[in-house]
């Protein structure tokens, strides 16, 4: 974003009485306007097809794992019926399979 836009956003956030101090700080860090720990990027959602290929399983197997609670499915934004799994959940499942 342009510097002038960021300065304007900072002024708006500081003057908004509806925001708590914690909310304001979090928004400022997210926009890169405040010092402190940077916001962790959101976890990527991997489509079921790609996740099935990584696990060397079928899509149906992943749906069954989600039904049993081993994985959690998420809707992929911008698609009507597409779903996927979090990359961190998939990596944890792979790590568990490698260890056990």
C-alpha atoms as a PDB file:
ATOM      1  CA  UNK A   1       0.000   0.000   0.000  1.00  0.00           C
ATOM      2  CA  UNK A   2       1.041   3.563  -0.466  1.00  0.00           C
ATOM      3  CA  UNK A   3       2.521   5.373   2.503  1.00  0.00           C
ATOM      4  CA  UNK A   4      -0.240   7.979   2.529  1.00  0.00           C
ATOM      5  CA  UNK A   5      -2.881   5.223   2.647  1.00  0.00           C
ATOM      6  CA  UNK A   6      -1.116   3.538   5.563  1.00  0.00           C
ATOM      7  CA  UNK A   7      -0.836   6.816   7.456  1.00  0.00           C
ATOM      8  CA  UNK A   8      -4.549   7.450   6.920  1.00  0.00           C
ATOM      9  CA  UNK A   9      -5.435   3.946   8.107  1.00  0.00           C
ATOM     10  CA  UNK A  10      -3.283   4.389  11.198  1.00  0.00           C
ATOM     11  CA  UNK A  11      -5.042   7.669  12.050  1.00  0.00           C
ATOM     12  CA  UNK A  12      -8.461   6.074  11.536  1.00  0.00           C
ATOM     13  CA  UNK A  13      -7.603   3.090  13.733  1.00  0.00           C
ATOM     14  CA  UNK A  14      -6.232   5.293  16.510  1.00  0.00           C
ATOM     15  CA  UNK A  15      -9.335   7.451  16.561  1.00  0.00           C
ATOM     16  CA  UNK A  16     -11.957   4.672  16.305  1.00  0.00           C
ATOM     17  CA  UNK A  17     -13.660   4.398  19.725  1.00  0.00           C
ATOM     18  CA  UNK A  18     -15.319   1.082  18.812  1.00  0.00           C
ATOM     19  CA  UNK A  19     -11.958  -0.722  18.729  1.00  0.00           C
ATOM     20  CA  UNK A  20     -10.276  -1.969  21.862  1.00  0.00           C
ATOM     21  CA  UNK A  21      -6.582  -1.319  22.434  1.00  0.00           C
ATOM     22  CA  UNK A  22      -5.780  -4.989  21.706  1.00  0.00           C
ATOM     23  CA  UNK A  23      -7.779  -4.922  18.449  1.00  0.00           C
ATOM     24  CA  UNK A  24      -6.038  -1.726  17.413  1.00  0.00           C
ATOM     25  CA  UNK A  25      -2.592  -3.202  18.119  1.00  0.00           C
ATOM     26  CA  UNK A  26      -3.364  -6.370  16.202  1.00  0.00           C
ATOM     27  CA  UNK A  27      -4.607  -4.435  13.169  1.00  0.00           C
ATOM     28  CA  UNK A  28      -1.581  -2.137  13.277  1.00  0.00           C
ATOM     29  CA  UNK A  29       0.817  -5.118  13.349  1.00  0.00           C
ATOM     30  CA  UNK A  30      -1.072  -6.785  10.502  1.00  0.00           C
ATOM     31  CA  UNK A  31      -0.741  -3.658   8.377  1.00  0.00           C
ATOM     32  CA  UNK A  32       2.908  -3.289   9.342  1.00  0.00           C
ATOM     33  CA  UNK A  33       2.322   0.013  11.135  1.00  0.00           C
ATOM     34  CA  UNK A  34       3.497  -1.020  14.595  1.00  0.00           C
ATOM     35  CA  UNK A  35       6.519  -2.652  16.106  1.00  0.00           C
ATOM     36  CA  UNK A  36       6.199  -6.084  17.598  1.00  0.00           C
ATOM     37  CA  UNK A  37       5.923  -9.620  16.408  1.00  0.00           C
ATOM     38  CA  UNK A  38       4.773  -9.927  12.827  1.00  0.00           C
ATOM     39  CA  UNK A  39       1.511 -11.656  12.123  1.00  0.00           C
ATOM     40  CA  UNK A  40       1.887 -15.305  11.116  1.00  0.00           C
ATOM     41  CA  UNK A  41       0.643 -15.825   7.562  1.00  0.00           C
ATOM     42  CA  UNK A  42      -2.565 -17.832   7.317  1.00  0.00           C
ATOM     43  CA  UNK A  43      -2.263 -21.540   6.697  1.00  0.00           C
ATOM     44  CA  UNK A  44      -2.717 -22.583   3.074  1.00  0.00           C
ATOM     45  CA  UNK A  45      -5.731 -24.725   2.174  1.00  0.00           C
ATOM     46  CA  UNK A  46      -4.716 -27.590  -0.090  1.00  0.00           C
ATOM     47  CA  UNK A  47      -7.348 -29.029  -2.435  1.00  0.00           C
ATOM     48  CA  UNK A  48      -8.486 -32.576  -1.687  1.00  0.00           C
ATOM     49  CA  UNK A  49      -6.970 -33.830  -4.954  1.00  0.00           C
ATOM     50  CA  UNK A  50      -3.506 -32.487  -4.080  1.00  0.00           C
ATOM     51  CA  UNK A  51      -3.734 -33.748  -0.501  1.00  0.00           C
ATOM     52  CA  UNK A  52      -4.744 -37.203  -1.745  1.00  0.00           C
ATOM     53  CA  UNK A  53      -1.744 -37.239  -4.073  1.00  0.00           C
ATOM     54  CA  UNK A  54       0.591 -36.266  -1.197  1.00  0.00           C
ATOM     55  CA  UNK A  55      -0.783 -39.077   0.965  1.00  0.00           C
ATOM     56  CA  UNK A  56      -0.893 -41.533  -1.950  1.00  0.00           C
ATOM     57  CA  UNK A  57      -4.593 -42.137  -1.237  1.00  0.00           C
ATOM     58  CA  UNK A  58      -7.864 -41.526  -3.062  1.00  0.00           C
ATOM     59  CA  UNK A  59     -10.096 -38.491  -2.584  1.00  0.00           C
ATOM     60  CA  UNK A  60     -12.692 -40.761  -0.974  1.00  0.00           C
ATOM     61  CA  UNK A  61     -10.105 -41.869   1.629  1.00  0.00           C
ATOM     62  CA  UNK A  62      -9.508 -38.231   2.579  1.00  0.00           C
ATOM     63  CA  UNK A  63     -13.242 -37.605   2.888  1.00  0.00           C
ATOM     64  CA  UNK A  64     -13.449 -40.664   5.165  1.00  0.00           C
ATOM     65  CA  UNK A  65     -10.526 -39.368   7.273  1.00  0.00           C
ATOM     66  CA  UNK A  66     -12.359 -36.047   7.616  1.00  0.00           C
ATOM     67  CA  UNK A  67     -15.568 -37.823   8.621  1.00  0.00           C
ATOM     68  CA  UNK A  68     -13.656 -39.762  11.310  1.00  0.00           C
ATOM     69  CA  UNK A  69     -12.064 -36.549  12.597  1.00  0.00           C
ATOM     70  CA  UNK A  70      -8.452 -37.172  11.555  1.00  0.00           C
ATOM     71  CA  UNK A  71      -8.580 -34.199   9.154  1.00  0.00           C
ATOM     72  CA  UNK A  72     -10.771 -31.127   9.049  1.00  0.00           C
ATOM     73  CA  UNK A  73     -12.154 -30.003   5.695  1.00  0.00           C
ATOM     74  CA  UNK A  74     -12.466 -26.341   4.733  1.00  0.00           C
ATOM     75  CA  UNK A  75     -14.322 -24.688   1.908  1.00  0.00           C
ATOM     76  CA  UNK A  76     -12.039 -23.197  -0.734  1.00  0.00           C
ATOM     77  CA  UNK A  77     -12.965 -19.532  -1.312  1.00  0.00           C
ATOM     78  CA  UNK A  78     -14.318 -18.743  -4.745  1.00  0.00           C
ATOM     79  CA  UNK A  79     -15.587 -22.232  -5.499  1.00  0.00           C
ATOM     80  CA  UNK A  80     -19.071 -23.612  -4.968  1.00  0.00           C
ATOM     81  CA  UNK A  81     -18.377 -27.222  -3.970  1.00  0.00           C
ATOM     82  CA  UNK A  82     -14.594 -27.379  -3.607  1.00  0.00           C
ATOM     83  CA  UNK A  83     -13.018 -28.235  -0.287  1.00  0.00           C
ATOM     84  CA  UNK A  84      -9.555 -28.822   1.017  1.00  0.00           C
ATOM     85  CA  UNK A  85      -7.485 -29.407   4.130  1.00  0.00           C
ATOM     86  CA  UNK A  86      -5.044 -27.171   5.985  1.00  0.00           C
ATOM     87  CA  UNK A  87      -1.429 -27.706   5.019  1.00  0.00           C
ATOM     88  CA  UNK A  88      -0.398 -27.858   8.682  1.00  0.00           C
ATOM     89  CA  UNK A  89      -3.001 -30.594   9.375  1.00  0.00           C
ATOM     90  CA  UNK A  90      -1.773 -32.576   6.385  1.00  0.00           C
ATOM     91  CA  UNK A  91       1.863 -32.218   7.454  1.00  0.00           C
ATOM     92  CA  UNK A  92       0.968 -33.303  10.996  1.00  0.00           C
ATOM     93  CA  UNK A  93      -0.793 -36.375   9.612  1.00  0.00           C
ATOM     94  CA  UNK A  94       2.255 -37.176   7.480  1.00  0.00           C
ATOM     95  CA  UNK A  95       4.561 -36.727  10.480  1.00  0.00           C
ATOM     96  CA  UNK A  96       2.375 -38.993  12.582  1.00  0.00           C
ATOM     97  CA  UNK A  97       2.404 -41.650   9.868  1.00  0.00           C
ATOM     98  CA  UNK A  98       6.196 -41.416   9.548  1.00  0.00           C
ATOM     99  CA  UNK A  99       6.734 -41.706  13.325  1.00  0.00           C
ATOM    100  CA  UNK A 100       4.191 -44.412  13.980  1.00  0.00           C
END
